[in-house]
Structure formats: C-alpha cells, structure tokens
Amino acid sequence: MIIVTGATGALNGATVDHLLKTTPASEIVVVARDTAKAQRFAGRGVAVRQGDYADAASLPAAFEGADQLLLVSSSDPAADHLALHTVAIEAAVAAGVGRILYTSHQGAAPDSPFGPGKSHYETEQVLAASGVAWTSLRNGFYAHSLNWLLGPWRETGVVAVPADGPVSWTSRGDAAEAAAVILASDGAYDGPTTLTANAAPTFAEVTAIASEVAGREIGFEVLGEDAWIAAQAAAGQEAGARFMLGMYQAAAGGYFRGTDPLLGTLLGREPQSVRDLLAAPAPVAH
C-alpha cells in the first residue's frame, strides 16, 4: 500500500493523480489534516485518513499498513519543520512502514543560507538514522516561484534582485509526476535522489529569456541586499523579503546550480523549462 500525506496540496495531490493512472485506488491512501479537503480522492475510491504532524497521536493509525509512505515537507512558515518531520518519521517507524519517501530540495545542505535548505538536510539525517529504507526527493527549486521572485517585470520592464546565481528551475508538476514513477518503482531509488530541469540559468539569463518571450527589452539589476530589502520594505513586503533573501544568497553561493538527467528519464520527455513558464499566460493576481 502507498500512503501519501499532503495530498490536498498541489505537489502531492498531483502525485496521487499520476499514481491513479497506474495503481489501483484500493492500494492508495491519502492522509490529510482536514479530510473534507481530500474528498475528491475519496470519490475516486481512495481511502482518506486524518493525520497531522502536529498531533503525534493521529499518525500511527494514519500510517498503518504502508509499504511506502510519501511525507510532504511542512510549509508552515511559523513551524519548527525539523520537529514536525521528526514526529512523522518516528510515527512511520513505529507503524512498521517499509519505505519513507520525503519531498526534500536540491539545495539541502547544513550550511545553506536558505532556511528550508537546512531543515531538509536535517530531516534527511533523521531519515538516515531511522533504520527504515528511505528516499529523499531532492526537487529543484520550483519554477513557478519565478512569478514572484522576478518581481512585477511585465509591468516595470525591469528584474531587480539582491544577488544573482544559477538555479535549476524545475516544474512542480514534473516533480510530482516523477514522484509517482518512483513510488511505482517500489524501492528502485534509494537515499538522496535529485530531480531537476536540464538547465540552471542565472537571474540575468532568465531575464534575457523574459525579453525574448515579451518581445521587448527587460532590464536587469543586482541591487545588493540592503537596497533590495529597502525597496521591498517600501512596498510593504519586508518580512517576506528577509525570508527570501536567503534563497538569493544560496543561489549566489551555487547551492542550486546542479542539474541531473534523471527527471527527464523518469518522465520520458524533456522537463519543462523557464521559457515554457514565462511563455505561459501570466497568473491572475488575487
């Protein structure tokens, strides 16, 4: 049996959708904090269980019977991610799970300037010490993040960043599809498993692609950290900017520069590219 947490979210929800193309619904379970939000899976014959990393008592029953368990990483900005992940891993071990798969990040490293990179690395260490077979899905930085990391370039005609560096911008949808393939392989991929697009353009190179897509020159500026934070603060976005500054610092430090052909191999096609993202209709602001 394959049990998937976080299926009400975009990443693992898409993974379950792909799994259902090849795996009987009776062999899949989804775990959600709010089971009402997972009813689309129940309507397709998938069992839905309640479980919350922040409620350790809810997890043993949620994980029971799992040959493979896909743990989504916490995205709660106010939470202690490592503590939540450790609770989930310990519950999986106690439940006798055969293999734990975890949605990690390509930039997982103990010294990453980007906070999530550290917590992903620390979670991988907990997995390695768990005594259970594990697979860490080290997904490339999700390409849809460019919709805000590039700023309002379509309106201003300028991309302004605090620092520059290469990033293997990767489609979240591609990562979700690859996770389904890996789950269906039943243990063929062990330990850290890197899933990235085929290129790692810098923000300057992404801006050049944006110019080609827009059919007009888009300017590019590296403002420096202090000036960039000041500009974000003036726009009322200082708190989010201070968090994301670590991402730009990590990019400049080369933490996201690596690429790996495995994603394309698993998909049987070329992964989506930055050009594909920028050429798509701009997301509607809400």
Protein backbone atom coordinates (compact mmCIF):
# COMPACT_ATOMS: atom_id res chain seq x y z
CA MET A 1 0.00 0.00 0.00
CA ILE A 2 1.14 3.54 -0.82
CA ILE A 3 0.21 6.24 1.70
CA VAL A 4 0.60 9.90 0.73
CA THR A 5 0.50 12.87 3.10
CA GLY A 6 -0.25 16.41 1.99
CA ALA A 7 -2.42 15.29 -0.92
CA THR A 8 -4.63 18.35 -0.52
CA GLY A 9 -1.65 20.42 -1.66
CA ALA A 10 -0.52 20.99 -5.23
CA LEU A 11 2.60 18.79 -5.17
CA ASN A 12 1.48 15.53 -3.55
CA GLY A 13 -2.07 15.95 -4.84
CA ALA A 14 -0.68 15.84 -8.38
CA THR A 15 1.45 12.83 -7.44
CA VAL A 16 -1.68 10.93 -6.37
CA ASP A 17 -3.40 11.91 -9.62
CA HIS A 18 -0.50 10.38 -11.55
CA LEU A 19 -0.41 7.29 -9.32
CA LEU A 20 -4.07 6.63 -10.07
CA LYS A 21 -3.20 6.20 -13.74
CA THR A 22 -1.14 3.10 -12.96
CA THR A 23 -2.08 1.95 -9.45
CA PRO A 24 -5.50 0.73 -8.26
CA ALA A 25 -7.22 3.20 -5.95
CA SER A 26 -7.60 0.41 -3.40
CA GLU A 27 -3.80 0.41 -2.99
CA ILE A 28 -3.55 4.13 -2.25
CA VAL A 29 -4.35 6.05 0.95
CA VAL A 30 -4.17 9.80 1.41
CA VAL A 31 -3.62 11.46 4.78
CA ALA A 32 -4.87 14.98 5.38
CA ARG A 33 -5.19 17.33 8.32
CA ASP A 34 -8.67 18.24 7.05
CA THR A 35 -10.23 15.17 5.43
CA ALA A 36 -13.03 17.27 3.92
CA LYS A 37 -10.45 18.82 1.60
CA ALA A 38 -9.48 15.36 0.29
CA GLN A 39 -12.93 14.27 -0.84
CA ARG A 40 -12.00 14.41 -4.49
CA PHE A 41 -9.81 11.38 -3.83
CA ALA A 42 -12.48 9.60 -1.82
CA GLY A 43 -14.78 10.00 -4.79
CA ARG A 44 -12.25 8.06 -6.88
CA GLY A 45 -12.08 5.17 -4.43
CA VAL A 46 -9.01 6.27 -2.46
CA ALA A 47 -9.19 5.84 1.33
CA VAL A 48 -8.82 9.11 3.23
CA ARG A 49 -7.37 9.18 6.74
CA GLN A 50 -6.92 12.05 9.17
CA GLY A 51 -3.40 12.82 10.30
CA ASP A 52 -1.41 15.86 11.37
CA TYR A 53 2.33 16.10 12.03
CA ALA A 54 1.50 18.48 14.88
CA ASP A 55 -0.67 15.77 16.52
CA ALA A 56 1.58 12.77 17.04
CA ALA A 57 -1.31 10.65 18.35
CA SER A 58 -3.08 10.92 14.99
CA LEU A 59 -0.23 9.42 12.98
CA PRO A 60 0.05 5.70 13.89
CA ALA A 61 -3.41 4.91 12.55
CA ALA A 62 -2.86 7.22 9.58
CA PHE A 63 0.33 5.39 8.54
CA GLU A 64 -0.78 1.83 9.34
CA GLY A 65 -0.17 -0.70 6.58
CA ALA A 66 2.12 1.46 4.45
CA ASP A 67 4.60 -0.37 2.26
CA GLN A 68 5.65 3.09 1.10
CA LEU A 69 4.89 6.42 2.77
CA LEU A 70 5.35 9.74 0.97
CA LEU A 71 5.88 12.50 3.53
CA VAL A 72 5.39 16.05 2.32
CA SER A 73 7.69 18.61 3.93
CA SER A 74 5.99 21.19 6.12
CA SER A 75 5.41 24.60 4.52
CA ASP A 76 4.14 26.36 7.64
CA PRO A 77 6.44 29.40 7.97
CA ALA A 78 5.85 29.61 11.72
CA ALA A 79 6.52 25.94 12.47
CA ASP A 80 9.62 24.06 13.59
CA HIS A 81 9.92 22.00 10.44
CA LEU A 82 12.52 19.58 11.75
CA ALA A 83 10.45 18.84 14.85
CA LEU A 84 7.33 18.14 12.77
CA HIS A 85 9.22 15.94 10.32
CA THR A 86 10.86 14.02 13.16
CA VAL A 87 7.47 13.29 14.73
CA ALA A 88 6.22 11.96 11.39
CA ILE A 89 9.30 9.82 10.81
CA GLU A 90 9.15 8.36 14.30
CA ALA A 91 5.48 7.52 13.80
CA ALA A 92 6.30 5.86 10.48
CA VAL A 93 8.99 3.74 12.12
CA ALA A 94 6.59 2.73 14.91
CA ALA A 95 3.94 1.83 12.32
CA GLY A 96 6.34 -0.51 10.52
CA VAL A 97 6.41 1.44 7.26
CA GLY A 98 8.51 -0.31 4.63
CA ARG A 99 9.99 2.80 2.97
CA ILE A 100 9.72 6.51 3.70
CA LEU A 101 9.90 8.97 0.82
CA TYR A 102 10.31 12.65 1.64
CA THR A 103 9.88 15.76 -0.50
CA SER A 104 13.23 17.45 0.00
CA HIS A 105 15.13 20.04 -2.02
CA GLN A 106 18.14 20.07 -4.29
CA GLY A 107 19.75 22.71 -2.10
CA ALA A 108 19.60 20.62 1.09
CA ALA A 109 22.80 21.42 2.98
CA PRO A 110 23.81 22.09 6.59
CA ASP A 111 25.29 25.48 5.73
CA SER A 112 22.68 26.73 3.25
CA PRO A 113 21.83 30.42 3.63
CA PHE A 114 18.24 29.44 2.73
CA GLY A 115 16.46 28.24 5.87
CA PRO A 116 14.47 25.40 4.25
CA GLY A 117 17.70 24.00 2.81
CA LYS A 118 18.98 23.42 6.34
CA SER A 119 15.76 21.81 7.59
CA HIS A 120 15.63 19.50 4.57
CA TYR A 121 19.22 18.40 5.24
CA GLU A 122 18.49 17.84 8.93
CA THR A 123 15.39 15.83 8.08
CA GLU A 124 17.46 13.64 5.77
CA GLN A 125 19.79 12.93 8.69
CA VAL A 126 16.81 11.80 10.77
CA LEU A 127 15.73 9.54 7.92
CA ALA A 128 19.22 8.09 7.60
CA ALA A 129 19.26 7.27 11.32
CA SER A 130 15.73 5.83 11.34
CA GLY A 131 16.66 2.29 10.32
CA VAL A 132 13.95 2.35 7.63
CA ALA A 133 14.63 2.37 3.89
CA TRP A 134 14.25 5.94 2.63
CA THR A 135 14.26 8.07 -0.47
CA SER A 136 14.76 11.82 -0.40
CA LEU A 137 13.24 13.52 -3.44
CA ARG A 138 15.62 16.45 -3.89
CA ASN A 139 13.46 18.54 -6.18
CA GLY A 140 14.92 21.53 -7.99
CA PHE A 141 13.69 24.99 -6.99
CA TYR A 142 10.11 25.20 -8.21
CA ALA A 143 9.93 27.29 -11.37
CA HIS A 144 6.56 28.86 -10.55
CA SER A 145 8.39 30.73 -7.77
CA LEU A 146 9.73 32.99 -10.52
CA ASN A 147 6.25 34.53 -10.73
CA TRP A 148 7.14 36.48 -7.58
CA LEU A 149 10.93 36.18 -7.36
CA LEU A 150 11.30 38.15 -10.60
CA GLY A 151 9.03 40.89 -9.29
CA PRO A 152 6.48 42.73 -11.49
CA TRP A 153 8.76 42.71 -14.53
CA ARG A 154 5.91 42.62 -17.03
CA GLU A 155 4.72 45.99 -15.70
CA THR A 156 8.03 47.65 -14.81
CA GLY A 157 10.20 46.26 -17.58
CA VAL A 158 12.93 45.51 -15.03
CA VAL A 159 14.02 42.49 -12.95
CA ALA A 160 15.75 43.65 -9.77
CA VAL A 161 17.34 41.13 -7.37
CA PRO A 162 19.65 41.38 -4.35
CA ALA A 163 22.13 38.80 -5.70
CA ASP A 164 22.46 36.51 -8.71
CA GLY A 165 23.37 32.89 -9.26
CA PRO A 166 22.35 29.77 -11.21
CA VAL A 167 19.16 27.89 -10.29
CA SER A 168 17.85 24.66 -11.82
CA TRP A 169 14.28 25.98 -12.05
CA THR A 170 12.08 22.88 -12.08
CA SER A 171 8.39 22.41 -12.76
CA ARG A 172 6.47 21.35 -9.65
CA GLY A 173 4.18 19.35 -11.93
CA ASP A 174 7.16 17.48 -13.38
CA ALA A 175 8.44 16.73 -9.87
CA ALA A 176 5.02 15.40 -8.86
CA GLU A 177 4.86 13.13 -11.89
CA ALA A 178 8.37 11.82 -11.24
CA ALA A 179 7.48 11.07 -7.62
CA ALA A 180 4.63 8.86 -8.86
CA VAL A 181 7.04 6.98 -11.11
CA ILE A 182 9.46 6.49 -8.23
CA LEU A 183 6.68 5.23 -5.96
CA ALA A 184 5.57 2.80 -8.64
CA SER A 185 9.16 1.52 -8.90
CA ASP A 186 8.82 0.11 -5.36
CA GLY A 187 12.24 0.93 -3.98
CA ALA A 188 14.35 1.33 -7.10
CA TYR A 189 15.60 4.71 -5.87
CA ASP A 190 17.31 4.88 -2.50
CA GLY A 191 18.65 7.79 -0.48
CA PRO A 192 19.05 11.32 -1.90
CA THR A 193 17.55 11.41 -5.41
CA THR A 194 17.96 14.64 -7.38
CA LEU A 195 15.14 15.73 -9.69
CA THR A 196 15.88 18.89 -11.67
CA ALA A 197 15.31 20.51 -15.02
CA ASN A 198 18.10 20.30 -17.58
CA ALA A 199 19.48 23.83 -17.15
CA ALA A 200 20.36 26.20 -14.32
CA PRO A 201 20.14 29.77 -15.66
CA THR A 202 21.08 32.76 -13.57
CA PHE A 203 18.54 35.51 -12.94
CA ALA A 204 20.33 37.54 -15.62
CA GLU A 205 19.84 34.68 -18.08
CA VAL A 206 16.22 34.28 -17.04
CA THR A 207 15.74 37.99 -17.72
CA ALA A 208 17.17 37.54 -21.22
CA ILE A 209 14.63 34.76 -21.80
CA ALA A 210 11.88 37.06 -20.49
CA SER A 211 12.96 39.70 -23.02
CA GLU A 212 12.66 37.18 -25.85
CA VAL A 213 9.27 35.98 -24.65
CA ALA A 214 7.93 39.53 -24.15
CA GLY A 215 9.33 40.78 -27.44
CA ARG A 216 10.88 43.80 -25.71
CA GLU A 217 13.97 44.55 -23.68
CA ILE A 218 13.63 43.73 -19.98
CA GLY A 219 16.26 45.37 -17.83
CA PHE A 220 18.22 43.58 -15.13
CA GLU A 221 19.72 44.96 -11.93
CA VAL A 222 21.58 43.46 -8.98
CA LEU A 223 20.66 45.97 -6.29
CA GLY A 224 22.63 44.49 -3.42
CA GLU A 225 21.00 43.16 -0.29
CA ASP A 226 20.41 46.39 1.64
CA ALA A 227 18.93 48.31 -1.29
CA TRP A 228 16.72 45.38 -2.27
CA ILE A 229 15.39 44.93 1.27
CA ALA A 230 14.69 48.68 1.44
CA ALA A 231 12.76 48.53 -1.83
CA GLN A 232 10.73 45.56 -0.60
CA ALA A 233 10.05 47.28 2.71
CA ALA A 234 8.78 50.34 0.87
CA ALA A 235 6.31 48.05 -0.90
CA GLY A 236 5.16 46.60 2.44
CA GLN A 237 6.87 43.25 1.89
CA GLU A 238 9.84 43.39 4.24
CA ALA A 239 9.09 40.25 6.28
CA GLY A 240 8.73 38.02 3.23
CA ALA A 241 11.75 39.63 1.60
CA ARG A 242 14.01 38.92 4.58
CA PHE A 243 12.99 35.25 4.41
CA MET A 244 13.54 35.02 0.64
CA LEU A 245 16.87 36.85 0.80
CA GLY A 246 18.43 33.55 1.86
CA MET A 247 17.26 31.99 -1.40
CA TYR A 248 19.11 34.60 -3.47
CA GLN A 249 22.17 34.20 -1.24
CA ALA A 250 22.08 30.44 -1.73
CA ALA A 251 21.75 30.90 -5.49
CA ALA A 252 24.79 33.17 -5.49
CA GLY A 253 26.63 30.54 -3.45
CA GLY A 254 25.92 27.84 -6.03
CA TYR A 255 23.59 25.72 -3.90
CA PHE A 256 21.05 25.37 -6.73
CA ARG A 257 23.40 25.15 -9.71
CA GLY A 258 23.49 21.38 -10.24
CA THR A 259 21.34 19.58 -12.82
CA ASP A 260 20.57 15.90 -13.25
CA PRO A 261 19.14 13.98 -16.23
CA LEU A 262 17.09 11.65 -14.01
CA LEU A 263 13.93 13.76 -14.10
CA GLY A 264 13.75 13.62 -17.90
CA THR A 265 14.47 9.90 -17.82
CA LEU A 266 11.62 9.27 -15.40
CA LEU A 267 9.22 11.44 -17.40
CA GLY A 268 10.26 10.01 -20.76
CA ARG A 269 10.41 13.57 -22.15
CA GLU A 270 12.17 16.87 -21.71
CA PRO A 271 11.30 18.55 -18.41
CA GLN A 272 9.60 21.91 -18.63
CA SER A 273 11.91 24.89 -18.92
CA VAL A 274 12.00 28.50 -17.77
CA ARG A 275 10.97 29.53 -21.28
CA ASP A 276 7.89 27.30 -21.01
CA LEU A 277 6.93 29.03 -17.76
CA LEU A 278 7.47 32.57 -18.98
CA ALA A 279 5.68 31.93 -22.26
CA ALA A 280 2.57 30.72 -20.42
CA PRO A 281 -0.16 33.25 -19.56
CA ALA A 282 0.76 35.32 -16.52
CA PRO A 283 -1.01 34.16 -13.34
CA VAL A 284 -4.04 36.19 -12.32
CA ALA A 285 -3.46 38.25 -9.18
CA HIS A 286 -6.00 37.80 -6.39
